[in-house]
Amino acid sequence: MKMRFLFVLFLLTVTGFLLAPVHSYAVGLGPYIEHTSGSGEFDDEYGASIDIDTKGFGFVFDSNVTKRDLFNYRLHIGYSDLDIPYGFDGYRISIDNTFGFGIIKNENFRWWIGPHLHLSYSNWDTPIGGSYYEEDSVDFFGVGTGVVTGMNFNLPRVVSICPELGLRYQYNASDTYEETRYSSSGYYYYDEQDYSYDEWVFFLKVNLLFRLGE
């Protein structure tokens, strides 16, 4: 619970700091959908591989959709369902900060590329002691960095359709989880599990931005 509270507080603080200096005109706001595919390894003695896919949605803000300025800042705050192997289930709340630099810039189209910073909180429901009938929760804090490229197709009036592709390296640190396991003789013992893992994540987002102040 403490980890969740600190993470939510951190997200709110970062979001407020980033949005505070932005002017209230010539920006884009709207929804987005996302699909990601990640592949990595657990940090345990076995180094088991893991593949996690997500499907999500959320809110997007962009500081420069149509202007010919070089720079744009894009913020995503979203929720994703996790598709996890080995009998796990879970969800993720994330905040993505992207800093774009325009390659092609005109009033109808913008193509940009830039670095990307990912922060997330995830929760997994994990089987207890290898049982598929009992579950408990494991918390994760994720940090990642990578590169993103995107395009803004600016339609008449106030709407822009903005797809983007990206690749990032991400590390996900879990709290240490203690499982109670039972031996064949009927005795029980405690087995500590650390589910921390790193991964390479490929992601696709489609943003629908409503342009304000034009």
N, C-alpha and C. Protein backbone atom coordinates (compact mmCIF):
# COMPACT_ATOMS: atom_id res chain seq x y z
N MET A 1 0.82 -1.20 0.00
CA MET A 1 0.00 0.00 0.00
C MET A 1 0.86 1.26 0.00
N LYS A 2 1.94 1.24 0.77
CA LYS A 2 2.84 2.39 0.81
C LYS A 2 3.44 2.65 -0.55
N MET A 3 3.85 1.59 -1.24
CA MET A 3 4.45 1.74 -2.57
C MET A 3 3.46 2.36 -3.54
N ARG A 4 2.20 1.93 -3.48
CA ARG A 4 1.18 2.49 -4.36
C ARG A 4 0.99 3.98 -4.10
N PHE A 5 0.90 4.34 -2.83
CA PHE A 5 0.69 5.75 -2.47
C PHE A 5 1.83 6.62 -2.96
N LEU A 6 3.07 6.19 -2.75
CA LEU A 6 4.22 6.98 -3.18
C LEU A 6 4.26 7.11 -4.69
N PHE A 7 3.90 6.04 -5.40
CA PHE A 7 3.92 6.09 -6.85
C PHE A 7 2.87 7.05 -7.39
N VAL A 8 1.64 6.99 -6.87
CA VAL A 8 0.58 7.91 -7.31
C VAL A 8 0.98 9.35 -7.02
N LEU A 9 1.53 9.60 -5.85
CA LEU A 9 1.98 10.95 -5.51
C LEU A 9 3.05 11.43 -6.47
N PHE A 10 3.97 10.54 -6.82
CA PHE A 10 5.03 10.89 -7.77
C PHE A 10 4.45 11.24 -9.13
N LEU A 11 3.49 10.46 -9.60
CA LEU A 11 2.86 10.75 -10.89
C LEU A 11 2.18 12.10 -10.90
N LEU A 12 1.44 12.39 -9.84
CA LEU A 12 0.74 13.68 -9.77
C LEU A 12 1.73 14.84 -9.72
N THR A 13 2.81 14.67 -8.99
CA THR A 13 3.80 15.74 -8.89
C THR A 13 4.48 16.00 -10.23
N VAL A 14 4.90 14.92 -10.91
CA VAL A 14 5.56 15.08 -12.21
C VAL A 14 4.61 15.69 -13.23
N THR A 15 3.37 15.22 -13.25
CA THR A 15 2.40 15.75 -14.21
C THR A 15 2.16 17.24 -13.99
N GLY A 16 1.97 17.63 -12.75
CA GLY A 16 1.75 19.04 -12.46
C GLY A 16 2.94 19.90 -12.83
N PHE A 17 4.15 19.40 -12.57
CA PHE A 17 5.36 20.15 -12.91
C PHE A 17 5.50 20.34 -14.41
N LEU A 18 5.22 19.29 -15.17
CA LEU A 18 5.40 19.36 -16.62
C LEU A 18 4.34 20.23 -17.29
N LEU A 19 3.13 20.20 -16.78
CA LEU A 19 2.06 20.96 -17.43
C LEU A 19 2.02 22.41 -16.98
N ALA A 20 2.60 22.75 -15.87
CA ALA A 20 2.51 24.10 -15.34
C ALA A 20 2.98 25.18 -16.30
N PRO A 21 4.13 25.05 -16.99
CA PRO A 21 4.61 26.13 -17.83
C PRO A 21 3.98 26.18 -19.22
N VAL A 22 3.09 25.22 -19.57
CA VAL A 22 2.55 25.15 -20.91
C VAL A 22 1.43 26.17 -21.09
N HIS A 23 1.45 26.91 -22.19
CA HIS A 23 0.39 27.87 -22.48
C HIS A 23 -0.89 27.14 -22.83
N SER A 24 -2.02 27.82 -22.68
CA SER A 24 -3.33 27.20 -22.88
C SER A 24 -3.82 27.33 -24.30
N TYR A 25 -2.93 27.54 -25.29
CA TYR A 25 -3.38 27.64 -26.67
C TYR A 25 -2.48 26.79 -27.56
N ALA A 26 -3.01 26.45 -28.74
CA ALA A 26 -2.26 25.71 -29.76
C ALA A 26 -1.74 24.38 -29.24
N VAL A 27 -2.54 23.68 -28.44
CA VAL A 27 -2.15 22.37 -27.92
C VAL A 27 -3.18 21.34 -28.36
N GLY A 28 -2.87 20.05 -28.13
CA GLY A 28 -3.79 18.98 -28.46
C GLY A 28 -4.12 18.13 -27.25
N LEU A 29 -5.39 17.78 -27.10
CA LEU A 29 -5.86 16.93 -26.01
C LEU A 29 -6.78 15.87 -26.58
N GLY A 30 -6.76 14.66 -25.98
CA GLY A 30 -7.69 13.64 -26.45
C GLY A 30 -7.36 12.26 -25.92
N PRO A 31 -8.04 11.23 -26.45
CA PRO A 31 -7.81 9.84 -26.03
C PRO A 31 -6.78 9.15 -26.91
N TYR A 32 -6.30 8.00 -26.43
CA TYR A 32 -5.42 7.16 -27.25
C TYR A 32 -5.67 5.70 -26.91
N ILE A 33 -5.28 4.83 -27.83
CA ILE A 33 -5.24 3.39 -27.59
C ILE A 33 -3.81 2.91 -27.86
N GLU A 34 -3.45 1.78 -27.24
CA GLU A 34 -2.06 1.32 -27.31
C GLU A 34 -1.99 -0.21 -27.30
N HIS A 35 -1.02 -0.72 -28.04
CA HIS A 35 -0.66 -2.15 -27.95
C HIS A 35 0.85 -2.25 -27.77
N THR A 36 1.30 -3.05 -26.80
CA THR A 36 2.73 -3.25 -26.59
C THR A 36 3.05 -4.73 -26.59
N SER A 37 4.30 -5.03 -26.92
CA SER A 37 4.80 -6.40 -26.87
C SER A 37 6.19 -6.37 -26.26
N GLY A 38 6.35 -7.03 -25.10
CA GLY A 38 7.62 -7.01 -24.39
C GLY A 38 8.21 -8.40 -24.24
N SER A 39 9.54 -8.48 -24.22
CA SER A 39 10.24 -9.75 -24.05
C SER A 39 11.46 -9.53 -23.16
N GLY A 40 11.58 -10.35 -22.10
CA GLY A 40 12.71 -10.17 -21.20
C GLY A 40 12.96 -11.39 -20.35
N GLU A 41 13.64 -11.18 -19.18
CA GLU A 41 14.00 -12.28 -18.29
C GLU A 41 13.80 -11.87 -16.84
N PHE A 42 13.39 -12.86 -16.01
CA PHE A 42 13.29 -12.64 -14.58
C PHE A 42 14.69 -12.54 -13.96
N ASP A 43 14.79 -11.80 -12.85
CA ASP A 43 16.06 -11.66 -12.15
C ASP A 43 16.22 -12.74 -11.08
N ASP A 44 15.83 -13.95 -11.37
CA ASP A 44 16.01 -15.02 -10.38
C ASP A 44 17.16 -15.92 -10.80
N GLU A 45 17.39 -16.97 -10.02
CA GLU A 45 18.53 -17.86 -10.28
C GLU A 45 18.37 -18.65 -11.57
N TYR A 46 17.12 -18.75 -12.07
CA TYR A 46 16.89 -19.53 -13.28
C TYR A 46 16.92 -18.66 -14.54
N GLY A 47 16.70 -17.35 -14.41
CA GLY A 47 16.72 -16.46 -15.55
C GLY A 47 15.68 -16.82 -16.60
N ALA A 48 14.50 -17.22 -16.15
CA ALA A 48 13.44 -17.64 -17.07
C ALA A 48 13.00 -16.47 -17.94
N SER A 49 12.75 -16.76 -19.20
CA SER A 49 12.29 -15.71 -20.11
C SER A 49 10.80 -15.47 -19.91
N ILE A 50 10.36 -14.26 -20.30
CA ILE A 50 8.95 -13.90 -20.13
C ILE A 50 8.56 -12.96 -21.26
N ASP A 51 7.38 -13.15 -21.80
CA ASP A 51 6.82 -12.29 -22.84
C ASP A 51 5.50 -11.72 -22.33
N ILE A 52 5.39 -10.39 -22.32
CA ILE A 52 4.19 -9.73 -21.81
C ILE A 52 3.64 -8.79 -22.88
N ASP A 53 2.39 -9.00 -23.25
CA ASP A 53 1.69 -8.10 -24.17
C ASP A 53 0.65 -7.31 -23.39
N THR A 54 0.39 -6.08 -23.83
CA THR A 54 -0.62 -5.26 -23.18
C THR A 54 -1.52 -4.61 -24.23
N LYS A 55 -2.73 -4.34 -23.82
CA LYS A 55 -3.65 -3.50 -24.59
C LYS A 55 -4.20 -2.46 -23.64
N GLY A 56 -4.12 -1.19 -24.05
CA GLY A 56 -4.50 -0.14 -23.13
C GLY A 56 -5.10 1.07 -23.80
N PHE A 57 -5.46 2.03 -22.96
CA PHE A 57 -6.07 3.27 -23.42
C PHE A 57 -5.77 4.34 -22.38
N GLY A 58 -6.05 5.60 -22.75
CA GLY A 58 -5.82 6.65 -21.79
C GLY A 58 -5.97 8.03 -22.39
N PHE A 59 -5.30 8.99 -21.76
CA PHE A 59 -5.38 10.40 -22.09
C PHE A 59 -4.03 10.87 -22.64
N VAL A 60 -4.06 11.73 -23.67
CA VAL A 60 -2.83 12.25 -24.26
C VAL A 60 -2.90 13.77 -24.36
N PHE A 61 -1.76 14.38 -24.11
CA PHE A 61 -1.58 15.84 -24.26
C PHE A 61 -0.37 16.07 -25.15
N ASP A 62 -0.47 17.01 -26.09
CA ASP A 62 0.66 17.38 -26.95
C ASP A 62 0.77 18.90 -27.01
N SER A 63 1.98 19.40 -26.83
CA SER A 63 2.20 20.85 -26.77
C SER A 63 2.27 21.51 -28.14
N ASN A 64 2.46 20.71 -29.21
CA ASN A 64 2.62 21.30 -30.54
C ASN A 64 2.16 20.29 -31.59
N VAL A 65 0.93 20.48 -32.08
CA VAL A 65 0.39 19.56 -33.07
C VAL A 65 0.59 20.07 -34.50
N THR A 66 0.38 21.37 -34.72
CA THR A 66 0.40 21.91 -36.08
C THR A 66 1.44 23.00 -36.32
N LYS A 67 1.95 23.61 -35.26
CA LYS A 67 2.91 24.71 -35.44
C LYS A 67 4.21 24.20 -36.05
N ARG A 68 4.94 25.11 -36.69
CA ARG A 68 6.19 24.73 -37.35
C ARG A 68 7.40 24.81 -36.43
N ASP A 69 7.15 24.94 -35.14
CA ASP A 69 8.25 24.93 -34.18
C ASP A 69 8.95 23.57 -34.20
N LEU A 70 10.23 23.57 -33.84
CA LEU A 70 11.02 22.34 -33.87
C LEU A 70 10.54 21.33 -32.84
N PHE A 71 10.18 21.77 -31.64
CA PHE A 71 10.00 20.89 -30.49
C PHE A 71 8.53 20.65 -30.18
N ASN A 72 8.21 19.42 -29.75
CA ASN A 72 6.91 19.15 -29.13
C ASN A 72 7.09 18.19 -27.95
N TYR A 73 6.27 18.38 -26.94
CA TYR A 73 6.26 17.50 -25.77
C TYR A 73 4.93 16.76 -25.75
N ARG A 74 4.97 15.44 -25.56
CA ARG A 74 3.75 14.63 -25.54
C ARG A 74 3.70 13.82 -24.25
N LEU A 75 2.55 13.87 -23.59
CA LEU A 75 2.33 13.18 -22.33
C LEU A 75 1.19 12.18 -22.49
N HIS A 76 1.42 10.93 -22.08
CA HIS A 76 0.37 9.91 -22.03
C HIS A 76 0.19 9.46 -20.59
N ILE A 77 -1.06 9.36 -20.15
CA ILE A 77 -1.40 8.75 -18.87
C ILE A 77 -2.44 7.68 -19.16
N GLY A 78 -2.14 6.41 -18.86
CA GLY A 78 -3.03 5.36 -19.31
C GLY A 78 -3.11 4.14 -18.42
N TYR A 79 -4.02 3.27 -18.80
CA TYR A 79 -4.28 2.00 -18.11
C TYR A 79 -4.18 0.88 -19.14
N SER A 80 -3.56 -0.25 -18.74
CA SER A 80 -3.40 -1.40 -19.64
C SER A 80 -3.70 -2.70 -18.92
N ASP A 81 -4.33 -3.63 -19.63
CA ASP A 81 -4.44 -5.01 -19.17
C ASP A 81 -3.20 -5.78 -19.63
N LEU A 82 -2.67 -6.63 -18.75
CA LEU A 82 -1.46 -7.39 -19.05
C LEU A 82 -1.80 -8.82 -19.42
N ASP A 83 -1.20 -9.29 -20.50
CA ASP A 83 -1.33 -10.69 -20.92
C ASP A 83 -0.02 -11.38 -20.54
N ILE A 84 -0.02 -12.11 -19.41
CA ILE A 84 1.19 -12.65 -18.81
C ILE A 84 1.13 -14.18 -18.81
N PRO A 85 2.21 -14.86 -19.18
CA PRO A 85 2.22 -16.33 -19.11
C PRO A 85 2.37 -16.84 -17.68
N TYR A 86 2.43 -18.15 -17.52
CA TYR A 86 2.66 -18.84 -16.25
C TYR A 86 1.50 -18.67 -15.26
N GLY A 87 0.29 -18.40 -15.75
CA GLY A 87 -0.86 -18.31 -14.86
C GLY A 87 -1.04 -16.99 -14.15
N PHE A 88 -0.29 -15.95 -14.54
CA PHE A 88 -0.42 -14.64 -13.93
C PHE A 88 -1.51 -13.82 -14.64
N ASP A 89 -2.00 -12.81 -13.94
CA ASP A 89 -2.94 -11.84 -14.52
C ASP A 89 -2.61 -10.49 -13.89
N GLY A 90 -2.89 -9.37 -14.61
CA GLY A 90 -2.55 -8.10 -14.02
C GLY A 90 -2.95 -6.90 -14.84
N TYR A 91 -2.58 -5.73 -14.30
CA TYR A 91 -2.86 -4.46 -14.97
C TYR A 91 -1.70 -3.51 -14.74
N ARG A 92 -1.67 -2.42 -15.51
CA ARG A 92 -0.59 -1.45 -15.41
C ARG A 92 -1.16 -0.04 -15.55
N ILE A 93 -0.67 0.88 -14.71
CA ILE A 93 -0.96 2.30 -14.83
C ILE A 93 0.36 2.99 -15.19
N SER A 94 0.37 3.78 -16.27
CA SER A 94 1.64 4.29 -16.77
C SER A 94 1.56 5.78 -17.11
N ILE A 95 2.73 6.39 -17.11
CA ILE A 95 2.89 7.74 -17.60
C ILE A 95 4.09 7.76 -18.54
N ASP A 96 3.89 8.24 -19.76
CA ASP A 96 4.94 8.30 -20.77
C ASP A 96 5.21 9.75 -21.15
N ASN A 97 6.47 10.12 -21.11
CA ASN A 97 6.91 11.45 -21.52
C ASN A 97 7.75 11.32 -22.78
N THR A 98 7.34 12.02 -23.84
CA THR A 98 8.05 11.95 -25.12
C THR A 98 8.43 13.36 -25.55
N PHE A 99 9.67 13.50 -26.02
CA PHE A 99 10.20 14.79 -26.44
C PHE A 99 10.54 14.71 -27.92
N GLY A 100 9.69 15.32 -28.75
CA GLY A 100 9.82 15.17 -30.20
C GLY A 100 10.50 16.34 -30.87
N PHE A 101 11.22 16.03 -31.95
CA PHE A 101 11.88 17.05 -32.77
C PHE A 101 11.42 16.86 -34.21
N GLY A 102 10.83 17.93 -34.77
CA GLY A 102 10.19 17.84 -36.07
C GLY A 102 11.17 17.60 -37.21
N ILE A 103 10.81 16.68 -38.10
CA ILE A 103 11.57 16.42 -39.33
C ILE A 103 10.88 17.09 -40.51
N ILE A 104 9.57 16.85 -40.61
CA ILE A 104 8.74 17.56 -41.60
C ILE A 104 7.68 18.32 -40.83
N LYS A 105 7.53 19.61 -41.12
CA LYS A 105 6.63 20.45 -40.35
C LYS A 105 5.84 21.37 -41.28
N ASN A 106 4.54 21.14 -41.37
CA ASN A 106 3.67 22.10 -42.05
C ASN A 106 2.29 22.03 -41.41
N GLU A 107 1.35 22.83 -41.87
CA GLU A 107 0.07 22.94 -41.19
C GLU A 107 -0.80 21.69 -41.33
N ASN A 108 -0.51 20.83 -42.30
CA ASN A 108 -1.31 19.63 -42.52
C ASN A 108 -0.65 18.35 -42.02
N PHE A 109 0.66 18.38 -41.84
CA PHE A 109 1.38 17.15 -41.52
C PHE A 109 2.64 17.48 -40.71
N ARG A 110 2.90 16.64 -39.73
CA ARG A 110 4.13 16.76 -38.94
C ARG A 110 4.69 15.37 -38.70
N TRP A 111 5.98 15.19 -38.99
CA TRP A 111 6.69 13.95 -38.68
C TRP A 111 7.80 14.29 -37.72
N TRP A 112 7.86 13.60 -36.60
CA TRP A 112 8.83 13.92 -35.55
C TRP A 112 9.46 12.63 -35.01
N ILE A 113 10.56 12.80 -34.29
CA ILE A 113 11.25 11.69 -33.63
C ILE A 113 11.92 12.23 -32.38
N GLY A 114 12.04 11.38 -31.36
CA GLY A 114 12.68 11.85 -30.14
C GLY A 114 12.74 10.81 -29.04
N PRO A 115 13.37 11.16 -27.91
CA PRO A 115 13.52 10.24 -26.77
C PRO A 115 12.22 10.12 -25.98
N HIS A 116 12.18 9.06 -25.18
CA HIS A 116 10.95 8.67 -24.49
C HIS A 116 11.30 8.17 -23.10
N LEU A 117 10.54 8.60 -22.08
CA LEU A 117 10.73 8.16 -20.70
C LEU A 117 9.42 7.56 -20.20
N HIS A 118 9.50 6.32 -19.70
CA HIS A 118 8.32 5.58 -19.25
C HIS A 118 8.40 5.34 -17.74
N LEU A 119 7.30 5.58 -17.03
CA LEU A 119 7.17 5.26 -15.62
C LEU A 119 5.86 4.49 -15.44
N SER A 120 5.85 3.46 -14.59
CA SER A 120 4.62 2.70 -14.44
C SER A 120 4.53 2.02 -13.09
N TYR A 121 3.28 1.74 -12.72
CA TYR A 121 2.97 0.88 -11.59
C TYR A 121 2.16 -0.30 -12.14
N SER A 122 2.55 -1.52 -11.79
CA SER A 122 1.84 -2.72 -12.23
C SER A 122 1.47 -3.57 -11.03
N ASN A 123 0.39 -4.32 -11.18
CA ASN A 123 -0.03 -5.27 -10.16
C ASN A 123 -0.33 -6.60 -10.83
N TRP A 124 0.26 -7.67 -10.29
CA TRP A 124 0.01 -9.02 -10.80
C TRP A 124 -0.73 -9.83 -9.75
N ASP A 125 -1.65 -10.65 -10.21
CA ASP A 125 -2.22 -11.70 -9.38
C ASP A 125 -1.46 -12.98 -9.69
N THR A 126 -0.80 -13.52 -8.67
CA THR A 126 0.07 -14.67 -8.87
C THR A 126 -0.44 -15.89 -8.10
N PRO A 127 -0.34 -17.08 -8.68
CA PRO A 127 -0.73 -18.29 -7.94
C PRO A 127 0.13 -18.48 -6.69
N ILE A 128 -0.49 -18.93 -5.62
CA ILE A 128 0.22 -19.16 -4.36
C ILE A 128 0.71 -20.61 -4.31
N GLY A 129 2.01 -20.78 -4.11
CA GLY A 129 2.57 -22.11 -3.94
C GLY A 129 2.32 -23.02 -5.12
N GLY A 130 2.25 -22.44 -6.33
CA GLY A 130 2.02 -23.23 -7.52
C GLY A 130 0.57 -23.60 -7.73
N SER A 131 -0.34 -23.11 -6.89
CA SER A 131 -1.75 -23.45 -7.01
C SER A 131 -2.45 -22.48 -7.95
N TYR A 132 -3.33 -22.97 -8.81
CA TYR A 132 -4.10 -22.13 -9.70
C TYR A 132 -5.45 -21.73 -9.08
N TYR A 133 -5.68 -22.16 -7.84
CA TYR A 133 -6.95 -21.88 -7.18
C TYR A 133 -6.83 -20.77 -6.14
N GLU A 134 -5.63 -20.46 -5.71
CA GLU A 134 -5.40 -19.38 -4.76
C GLU A 134 -4.45 -18.37 -5.38
N GLU A 135 -4.72 -17.06 -5.14
CA GLU A 135 -3.88 -16.02 -5.72
C GLU A 135 -3.58 -14.93 -4.69
N ASP A 136 -2.46 -14.25 -4.91
CA ASP A 136 -2.10 -13.07 -4.14
C ASP A 136 -1.52 -12.04 -5.10
N SER A 137 -1.28 -10.82 -4.60
CA SER A 137 -0.85 -9.72 -5.47
C SER A 137 0.62 -9.39 -5.30
N VAL A 138 1.26 -9.01 -6.39
CA VAL A 138 2.64 -8.54 -6.39
C VAL A 138 2.67 -7.17 -7.06
N ASP A 139 3.36 -6.21 -6.45
CA ASP A 139 3.46 -4.85 -6.98
C ASP A 139 4.78 -4.67 -7.72
N PHE A 140 4.75 -3.84 -8.78
CA PHE A 140 5.94 -3.53 -9.56
C PHE A 140 6.03 -2.03 -9.79
N PHE A 141 7.26 -1.54 -9.84
CA PHE A 141 7.54 -0.17 -10.28
C PHE A 141 8.44 -0.26 -11.49
N GLY A 142 8.01 0.31 -12.62
CA GLY A 142 8.75 0.20 -13.87
C GLY A 142 9.33 1.52 -14.34
N VAL A 143 10.55 1.47 -14.84
CA VAL A 143 11.22 2.64 -15.42
C VAL A 143 11.81 2.21 -16.76
N GLY A 144 11.59 3.00 -17.80
CA GLY A 144 12.12 2.65 -19.11
C GLY A 144 12.48 3.87 -19.93
N THR A 145 13.34 3.68 -20.90
CA THR A 145 13.72 4.76 -21.81
C THR A 145 13.92 4.19 -23.20
N GLY A 146 13.63 5.01 -24.21
CA GLY A 146 13.74 4.53 -25.58
C GLY A 146 13.60 5.66 -26.57
N VAL A 147 13.15 5.31 -27.78
CA VAL A 147 12.99 6.28 -28.85
C VAL A 147 11.63 6.08 -29.50
N VAL A 148 11.01 7.17 -29.94
CA VAL A 148 9.69 7.14 -30.54
C VAL A 148 9.69 8.00 -31.79
N THR A 149 8.94 7.58 -32.80
CA THR A 149 8.68 8.43 -33.95
C THR A 149 7.19 8.46 -34.20
N GLY A 150 6.69 9.60 -34.63
CA GLY A 150 5.26 9.73 -34.82
C GLY A 150 4.92 10.70 -35.95
N MET A 151 3.67 10.62 -36.39
CA MET A 151 3.16 11.50 -37.44
C MET A 151 1.84 12.11 -37.00
N ASN A 152 1.66 13.38 -37.33
CA ASN A 152 0.40 14.08 -37.08
C ASN A 152 -0.28 14.36 -38.41
N PHE A 153 -1.45 13.76 -38.61
CA PHE A 153 -2.25 14.04 -39.79
C PHE A 153 -3.36 14.99 -39.36
N ASN A 154 -3.23 16.25 -39.75
CA ASN A 154 -4.12 17.29 -39.27
C ASN A 154 -5.30 17.46 -40.21
N LEU A 155 -6.45 17.03 -39.76
CA LEU A 155 -7.67 17.10 -40.55
C LEU A 155 -8.27 18.51 -40.46
N PRO A 156 -9.21 18.85 -41.34
CA PRO A 156 -9.85 20.16 -41.26
C PRO A 156 -10.51 20.38 -39.90
N ARG A 157 -10.68 21.62 -39.56
CA ARG A 157 -11.25 22.08 -38.29
C ARG A 157 -10.29 21.77 -37.15
N VAL A 158 -10.60 20.84 -36.24
CA VAL A 158 -9.82 20.77 -35.00
C VAL A 158 -9.31 19.37 -34.66
N VAL A 159 -9.37 18.40 -35.56
CA VAL A 159 -9.02 17.03 -35.22
C VAL A 159 -7.73 16.61 -35.91
N SER A 160 -6.87 15.88 -35.19
CA SER A 160 -5.66 15.29 -35.75
C SER A 160 -5.59 13.81 -35.36
N ILE A 161 -5.22 12.96 -36.33
CA ILE A 161 -4.97 11.55 -36.07
C ILE A 161 -3.46 11.35 -36.05
N CYS A 162 -2.96 10.78 -34.95
CA CYS A 162 -1.51 10.80 -34.71
C CYS A 162 -1.00 9.42 -34.27
N PRO A 163 -0.60 8.57 -35.21
CA PRO A 163 0.02 7.29 -34.84
C PRO A 163 1.47 7.48 -34.45
N GLU A 164 1.98 6.57 -33.62
CA GLU A 164 3.39 6.60 -33.25
C GLU A 164 3.90 5.19 -32.96
N LEU A 165 5.17 4.99 -33.23
CA LEU A 165 5.86 3.71 -32.98
C LEU A 165 7.06 3.97 -32.07
N GLY A 166 7.34 3.01 -31.19
CA GLY A 166 8.48 3.20 -30.32
C GLY A 166 9.08 1.91 -29.82
N LEU A 167 10.31 2.01 -29.32
CA LEU A 167 11.03 0.89 -28.73
C LEU A 167 11.74 1.40 -27.48
N ARG A 168 11.59 0.65 -26.38
CA ARG A 168 12.27 1.07 -25.14
C ARG A 168 12.79 -0.14 -24.38
N TYR A 169 13.82 0.13 -23.55
CA TYR A 169 14.29 -0.84 -22.57
C TYR A 169 13.64 -0.48 -21.24
N GLN A 170 13.13 -1.47 -20.53
CA GLN A 170 12.37 -1.20 -19.30
C GLN A 170 12.78 -2.18 -18.22
N TYR A 171 12.95 -1.66 -16.98
CA TYR A 171 13.21 -2.51 -15.83
C TYR A 171 12.03 -2.41 -14.87
N ASN A 172 11.57 -3.55 -14.38
CA ASN A 172 10.41 -3.63 -13.50
C ASN A 172 10.82 -4.27 -12.18
N ALA A 173 10.84 -3.49 -11.12
CA ALA A 173 11.27 -3.98 -9.81
C ALA A 173 10.05 -4.34 -8.98
N SER A 174 10.05 -5.55 -8.42
CA SER A 174 8.93 -6.00 -7.59
C SER A 174 9.31 -5.96 -6.11
N ASP A 175 8.28 -5.92 -5.28
CA ASP A 175 8.53 -6.13 -3.86
C ASP A 175 8.80 -7.63 -3.65
N THR A 176 9.56 -7.95 -2.61
CA THR A 176 9.86 -9.35 -2.31
C THR A 176 8.60 -10.01 -1.77
N TYR A 177 8.26 -11.13 -2.34
CA TYR A 177 7.01 -11.81 -2.01
C TYR A 177 7.32 -13.14 -1.36
N GLU A 178 6.67 -13.42 -0.24
CA GLU A 178 6.93 -14.66 0.51
C GLU A 178 5.76 -15.63 0.31
N GLU A 179 6.03 -16.76 -0.29
CA GLU A 179 5.01 -17.78 -0.52
C GLU A 179 5.12 -18.87 0.54
N THR A 180 3.97 -19.39 0.94
CA THR A 180 3.94 -20.56 1.81
C THR A 180 3.76 -21.80 0.95
N ARG A 181 4.71 -22.71 1.00
CA ARG A 181 4.65 -23.94 0.20
C ARG A 181 4.59 -25.15 1.13
N TYR A 182 3.98 -26.20 0.62
CA TYR A 182 3.81 -27.42 1.41
C TYR A 182 4.58 -28.57 0.76
N SER A 183 5.27 -29.34 1.59
CA SER A 183 6.02 -30.49 1.10
C SER A 183 5.11 -31.71 1.03
N SER A 184 5.60 -32.76 0.41
CA SER A 184 4.81 -33.98 0.27
C SER A 184 4.54 -34.64 1.62
N SER A 185 5.35 -34.35 2.63
CA SER A 185 5.16 -34.95 3.96
C SER A 185 4.19 -34.16 4.83
N GLY A 186 3.67 -33.05 4.28
CA GLY A 186 2.67 -32.28 5.02
C GLY A 186 3.22 -31.08 5.75
N TYR A 187 4.56 -30.90 5.79
CA TYR A 187 5.15 -29.73 6.43
C TYR A 187 5.14 -28.56 5.46
N TYR A 188 5.08 -27.34 6.01
CA TYR A 188 5.11 -26.17 5.16
C TYR A 188 6.41 -25.38 5.40
N TYR A 189 6.80 -24.64 4.41
CA TYR A 189 7.99 -23.80 4.50
C TYR A 189 7.75 -22.52 3.69
N TYR A 190 8.60 -21.53 3.93
CA TYR A 190 8.46 -20.23 3.27
C TYR A 190 9.48 -20.11 2.14
N ASP A 191 9.00 -19.63 1.02
CA ASP A 191 9.86 -19.48 -0.15
C ASP A 191 9.75 -18.04 -0.64
N GLU A 192 10.83 -17.27 -0.55
CA GLU A 192 10.81 -15.87 -0.98
C GLU A 192 10.99 -15.78 -2.49
N GLN A 193 10.14 -14.97 -3.12
CA GLN A 193 10.17 -14.80 -4.57
C GLN A 193 10.39 -13.32 -4.89
N ASP A 194 11.31 -13.05 -5.81
CA ASP A 194 11.51 -11.71 -6.35
C ASP A 194 11.20 -11.78 -7.84
N TYR A 195 10.11 -11.16 -8.25
CA TYR A 195 9.66 -11.27 -9.63
C TYR A 195 10.22 -10.16 -10.53
N SER A 196 11.21 -9.42 -10.08
CA SER A 196 11.78 -8.33 -10.88
C SER A 196 12.25 -8.85 -12.24
N TYR A 197 12.07 -8.05 -13.27
CA TYR A 197 12.48 -8.48 -14.61
C TYR A 197 12.76 -7.27 -15.48
N ASP A 198 13.61 -7.47 -16.49
CA ASP A 198 13.86 -6.43 -17.48
C ASP A 198 13.30 -6.91 -18.82
N GLU A 199 13.03 -5.95 -19.73
CA GLU A 199 12.43 -6.32 -21.01
C GLU A 199 12.68 -5.24 -22.05
N TRP A 200 12.65 -5.67 -23.29
CA TRP A 200 12.58 -4.78 -24.43
C TRP A 200 11.12 -4.71 -24.88
N VAL A 201 10.61 -3.50 -25.04
CA VAL A 201 9.18 -3.30 -25.33
C VAL A 201 9.03 -2.55 -26.65
N PHE A 202 8.26 -3.15 -27.56
CA PHE A 202 7.86 -2.48 -28.79
C PHE A 202 6.41 -2.03 -28.61
N PHE A 203 6.11 -0.78 -28.97
CA PHE A 203 4.75 -0.30 -28.76
C PHE A 203 4.24 0.53 -29.93
N LEU A 204 2.92 0.47 -30.10
CA LEU A 204 2.20 1.23 -31.11
C LEU A 204 1.06 1.96 -30.42
N LYS A 205 0.96 3.27 -30.67
CA LYS A 205 -0.12 4.07 -30.13
C LYS A 205 -0.82 4.82 -31.26
N VAL A 206 -2.12 4.95 -31.12
CA VAL A 206 -2.90 5.78 -32.04
C VAL A 206 -3.61 6.83 -31.19
N ASN A 207 -3.29 8.10 -31.44
CA ASN A 207 -3.83 9.21 -30.67
C ASN A 207 -4.86 9.98 -31.50
N LEU A 208 -5.93 10.39 -30.86
CA LEU A 208 -6.93 11.27 -31.48
C LEU A 208 -6.89 12.58 -30.72
N LEU A 209 -6.32 13.62 -31.35
CA LEU A 209 -6.10 14.89 -30.68
C LEU A 209 -7.09 15.95 -31.17
N PHE A 210 -7.66 16.65 -30.23
CA PHE A 210 -8.51 17.80 -30.54
C PHE A 210 -7.68 19.06 -30.29
N ARG A 211 -7.49 19.83 -31.32
CA ARG A 211 -6.61 20.99 -31.26
C ARG A 211 -7.34 22.17 -30.62
N LEU A 212 -6.68 22.77 -29.63
CA LEU A 212 -7.27 23.90 -28.92
C LEU A 212 -6.54 25.18 -29.27
N GLY A 213 -7.26 26.28 -29.37
CA GLY A 213 -6.66 27.58 -29.56
C GLY A 213 -6.35 27.94 -31.00
N GLU A 214 -6.84 27.16 -31.98
CA GLU A 214 -6.59 27.49 -33.37
C GLU A 214 -7.73 28.34 -33.93
